[in-house]
Amino acid sequence: MKCPHCLTAFHDKWITIPIQTDEDGSWMLSHATCPQCKKLIIRLLKGTGYADPRTRELINLTYVEKVLQVYPKGAGRSPCPKEVPNQIAEDYKEACLVLADSPKASAALSR
């Protein structure tokens, strides 16, 4: 994977922590640290889980339906070149931040 902070490729070692199961599915928190920039990457996983038969607590997911990146917000993108005017560079940064939440809003900012 590529680190969303520094864009360096690395072999990810994710640590997962069970949260809870509700009517929408089972939820887990997953995190890794980039070995290059040492920054944390946090994801929320939703899927089909299985529980400990004795305690009925969530253990893991048998199927991951959705992965939401929580931190950093948005995917890492290369910075604009210095020649790009500041106003356009700010719109680009904002378009990158909203891309995961609203591709249409990101496209509008990119125009």
C-alpha atoms as a PDB file:
ATOM      1  CA  MET A   1       0.000   0.000   0.000  1.00  0.00           C
ATOM      2  CA  LYS A   2       0.986   3.637  -0.283  1.00  0.00           C
ATOM      3  CA  CYS A   3       1.049   5.775   2.838  1.00  0.00           C
ATOM      4  CA  PRO A   4      -1.693   8.421   2.532  1.00  0.00           C
ATOM      5  CA  HIS A   5       0.551  10.868   4.435  1.00  0.00           C
ATOM      6  CA  CYS A   6       3.894  10.667   2.580  1.00  0.00           C
ATOM      7  CA  LEU A   7       2.923   8.525  -0.462  1.00  0.00           C
ATOM      8  CA  THR A   8       5.738   6.025   0.245  1.00  0.00           C
ATOM      9  CA  ALA A   9       4.943   2.400  -0.623  1.00  0.00           C
ATOM     10  CA  PHE A  10       5.269  -0.103   2.225  1.00  0.00           C
ATOM     11  CA  HIS A  11       4.117  -3.569   3.291  1.00  0.00           C
ATOM     12  CA  ASP A  12       1.307  -2.873   5.682  1.00  0.00           C
ATOM     13  CA  LYS A  13       0.890  -4.685   9.006  1.00  0.00           C
ATOM     14  CA  TRP A  14      -2.616  -3.849  10.191  1.00  0.00           C
ATOM     15  CA  ILE A  15      -3.682  -4.311  13.783  1.00  0.00           C
ATOM     16  CA  THR A  16      -7.430  -4.853  14.164  1.00  0.00           C
ATOM     17  CA  ILE A  17      -9.540  -4.217  17.230  1.00  0.00           C
ATOM     18  CA  PRO A  18     -13.129  -5.506  17.473  1.00  0.00           C
ATOM     19  CA  ILE A  19     -15.713  -2.839  18.285  1.00  0.00           C
ATOM     20  CA  GLN A  20     -19.278  -4.173  18.213  1.00  0.00           C
ATOM     21  CA  THR A  21     -21.999  -5.768  16.120  1.00  0.00           C
ATOM     22  CA  ASP A  22     -25.279  -3.971  15.441  1.00  0.00           C
ATOM     23  CA  GLU A  23     -28.161  -4.375  13.007  1.00  0.00           C
ATOM     24  CA  ASP A  24     -26.006  -2.989  10.163  1.00  0.00           C
ATOM     25  CA  GLY A  25     -23.148  -5.473  10.640  1.00  0.00           C
ATOM     26  CA  SER A  26     -19.957  -6.012  12.605  1.00  0.00           C
ATOM     27  CA  TRP A  27     -17.446  -3.204  13.094  1.00  0.00           C
ATOM     28  CA  MET A  28     -13.699  -3.256  13.687  1.00  0.00           C
ATOM     29  CA  LEU A  29     -11.006  -0.614  13.954  1.00  0.00           C
ATOM     30  CA  SER A  30      -7.813  -1.197  11.989  1.00  0.00           C
ATOM     31  CA  HIS A  31      -4.574   0.766  12.224  1.00  0.00           C
ATOM     32  CA  ALA A  32      -1.024   0.744  10.896  1.00  0.00           C
ATOM     33  CA  THR A  33       2.000   3.011  11.149  1.00  0.00           C
ATOM     34  CA  CYS A  34       4.002   4.063   8.116  1.00  0.00           C
ATOM     35  CA  PRO A  35       7.629   2.969   8.608  1.00  0.00           C
ATOM     36  CA  GLN A  36       8.846   5.981   6.595  1.00  0.00           C
ATOM     37  CA  CYS A  37       7.027   8.984   8.121  1.00  0.00           C
ATOM     38  CA  LYS A  38       5.940   7.204  11.348  1.00  0.00           C
ATOM     39  CA  LYS A  39       2.379   8.542  11.004  1.00  0.00           C
ATOM     40  CA  LEU A  40      -0.696   6.571  11.956  1.00  0.00           C
ATOM     41  CA  ILE A  41      -3.285   5.368   9.423  1.00  0.00           C
ATOM     42  CA  ILE A  42      -6.714   4.455  10.829  1.00  0.00           C
ATOM     43  CA  ARG A  43      -9.533   2.589   9.075  1.00  0.00           C
ATOM     44  CA  LEU A  44     -13.024   1.487  10.086  1.00  0.00           C
ATOM     45  CA  LEU A  45     -14.085  -1.934   8.774  1.00  0.00           C
ATOM     46  CA  LYS A  46     -17.666  -3.149   8.377  1.00  0.00           C
ATOM     47  CA  GLY A  47     -18.626  -6.693   7.500  1.00  0.00           C
ATOM     48  CA  THR A  48     -19.819 -10.067   8.663  1.00  0.00           C
ATOM     49  CA  GLY A  49     -18.284 -10.997  11.972  1.00  0.00           C
ATOM     50  CA  TYR A  50     -18.011 -13.994  14.203  1.00  0.00           C
ATOM     51  CA  ALA A  51     -18.185 -13.988  17.964  1.00  0.00           C
ATOM     52  CA  ASP A  52     -16.700 -15.978  20.817  1.00  0.00           C
ATOM     53  CA  PRO A  53     -19.322 -18.677  21.540  1.00  0.00           C
ATOM     54  CA  ARG A  54     -18.898 -18.272  25.319  1.00  0.00           C
ATOM     55  CA  THR A  55     -18.826 -14.480  25.676  1.00  0.00           C
ATOM     56  CA  ARG A  56     -20.637 -13.576  22.425  1.00  0.00           C
ATOM     57  CA  GLU A  57     -18.082 -10.794  21.897  1.00  0.00           C
ATOM     58  CA  LEU A  58     -16.937  -9.975  18.376  1.00  0.00           C
ATOM     59  CA  ILE A  59     -13.618 -11.651  17.516  1.00  0.00           C
ATOM     60  CA  ASN A  60     -13.012 -10.921  13.847  1.00  0.00           C
ATOM     61  CA  LEU A  61     -14.653 -10.423  10.454  1.00  0.00           C
ATOM     62  CA  THR A  62     -15.214 -13.325   8.072  1.00  0.00           C
ATOM     63  CA  TYR A  63     -16.098 -10.919   5.261  1.00  0.00           C
ATOM     64  CA  VAL A  64     -15.208  -7.226   4.905  1.00  0.00           C
ATOM     65  CA  GLU A  65     -17.972  -5.310   3.142  1.00  0.00           C
ATOM     66  CA  LYS A  66     -16.681  -1.771   3.499  1.00  0.00           C
ATOM     67  CA  VAL A  67     -13.415  -0.042   4.457  1.00  0.00           C
ATOM     68  CA  LEU A  68     -13.556   3.612   5.492  1.00  0.00           C
ATOM     69  CA  GLN A  69     -10.335   5.531   5.971  1.00  0.00           C
ATOM     70  CA  VAL A  70     -10.777   7.615   9.113  1.00  0.00           C
ATOM     71  CA  TYR A  71      -7.324   9.189   9.410  1.00  0.00           C
ATOM     72  CA  PRO A  72      -5.857  10.902   7.543  1.00  0.00           C
ATOM     73  CA  LYS A  73      -8.991  12.312   6.011  1.00  0.00           C
ATOM     74  CA  GLY A  74      -8.873  11.747   2.264  1.00  0.00           C
ATOM     75  CA  ALA A  75      -6.276  10.024   0.166  1.00  0.00           C
ATOM     76  CA  GLY A  76      -2.782  11.388  -0.139  1.00  0.00           C
ATOM     77  CA  ARG A  77      -2.119  13.280  -3.322  1.00  0.00           C
ATOM     78  CA  SER A  78       1.006  14.822  -4.726  1.00  0.00           C
ATOM     79  CA  PRO A  79       1.266  18.513  -3.904  1.00  0.00           C
ATOM     80  CA  CYS A  80       0.724  21.094  -6.617  1.00  0.00           C
ATOM     81  CA  PRO A  81       3.835  22.460  -8.303  1.00  0.00           C
ATOM     82  CA  LYS A  82       5.003  25.871  -7.048  1.00  0.00           C
ATOM     83  CA  GLU A  83       3.998  27.437 -10.381  1.00  0.00           C
ATOM     84  CA  VAL A  84       0.287  26.804  -9.654  1.00  0.00           C
ATOM     85  CA  PRO A  85      -1.456  29.916  -8.290  1.00  0.00           C
ATOM     86  CA  ASN A  86      -2.295  29.718  -4.575  1.00  0.00           C
ATOM     87  CA  GLN A  87      -6.089  29.922  -5.067  1.00  0.00           C
ATOM     88  CA  ILE A  88      -6.056  26.977  -7.507  1.00  0.00           C
ATOM     89  CA  ALA A  89      -3.735  24.983  -5.221  1.00  0.00           C
ATOM     90  CA  GLU A  90      -6.147  25.513  -2.283  1.00  0.00           C
ATOM     91  CA  ASP A  91      -9.103  24.308  -4.392  1.00  0.00           C
ATOM     92  CA  TYR A  92      -7.064  21.242  -5.374  1.00  0.00           C
ATOM     93  CA  LYS A  93      -6.289  20.425  -1.712  1.00  0.00           C
ATOM     94  CA  GLU A  94      -9.961  20.797  -0.780  1.00  0.00           C
ATOM     95  CA  ALA A  95     -11.043  18.623  -3.733  1.00  0.00           C
ATOM     96  CA  CYS A  96      -8.657  15.909  -2.498  1.00  0.00           C
ATOM     97  CA  LEU A  97     -10.082  16.102   1.030  1.00  0.00           C
ATOM     98  CA  VAL A  98     -13.731  15.714  -0.022  1.00  0.00           C
ATOM     99  CA  LEU A  99     -13.146  13.060  -2.707  1.00  0.00           C
ATOM    100  CA  ALA A 100     -13.939  10.079  -0.432  1.00  0.00           C
ATOM    101  CA  ASP A 101     -17.105  11.697   0.964  1.00  0.00           C
ATOM    102  CA  SER A 102     -18.434  13.295  -2.222  1.00  0.00           C
ATOM    103  CA  PRO A 103     -16.888  12.609  -5.620  1.00  0.00           C
ATOM    104  CA  LYS A 104     -19.326  15.117  -7.190  1.00  0.00           C
ATOM    105  CA  ALA A 105     -18.218  17.904  -4.831  1.00  0.00           C
ATOM    106  CA  SER A 106     -14.603  17.029  -5.556  1.00  0.00           C
ATOM    107  CA  ALA A 107     -15.260  17.232  -9.291  1.00  0.00           C
ATOM    108  CA  ALA A 108     -16.986  20.612  -8.882  1.00  0.00           C
ATOM    109  CA  LEU A 109     -13.999  21.990  -6.955  1.00  0.00           C
ATOM    110  CA  SER A 110     -11.653  20.612  -9.604  1.00  0.00           C
ATOM    111  CA  ARG A 111     -13.374  22.577 -12.364  1.00  0.00           C
END
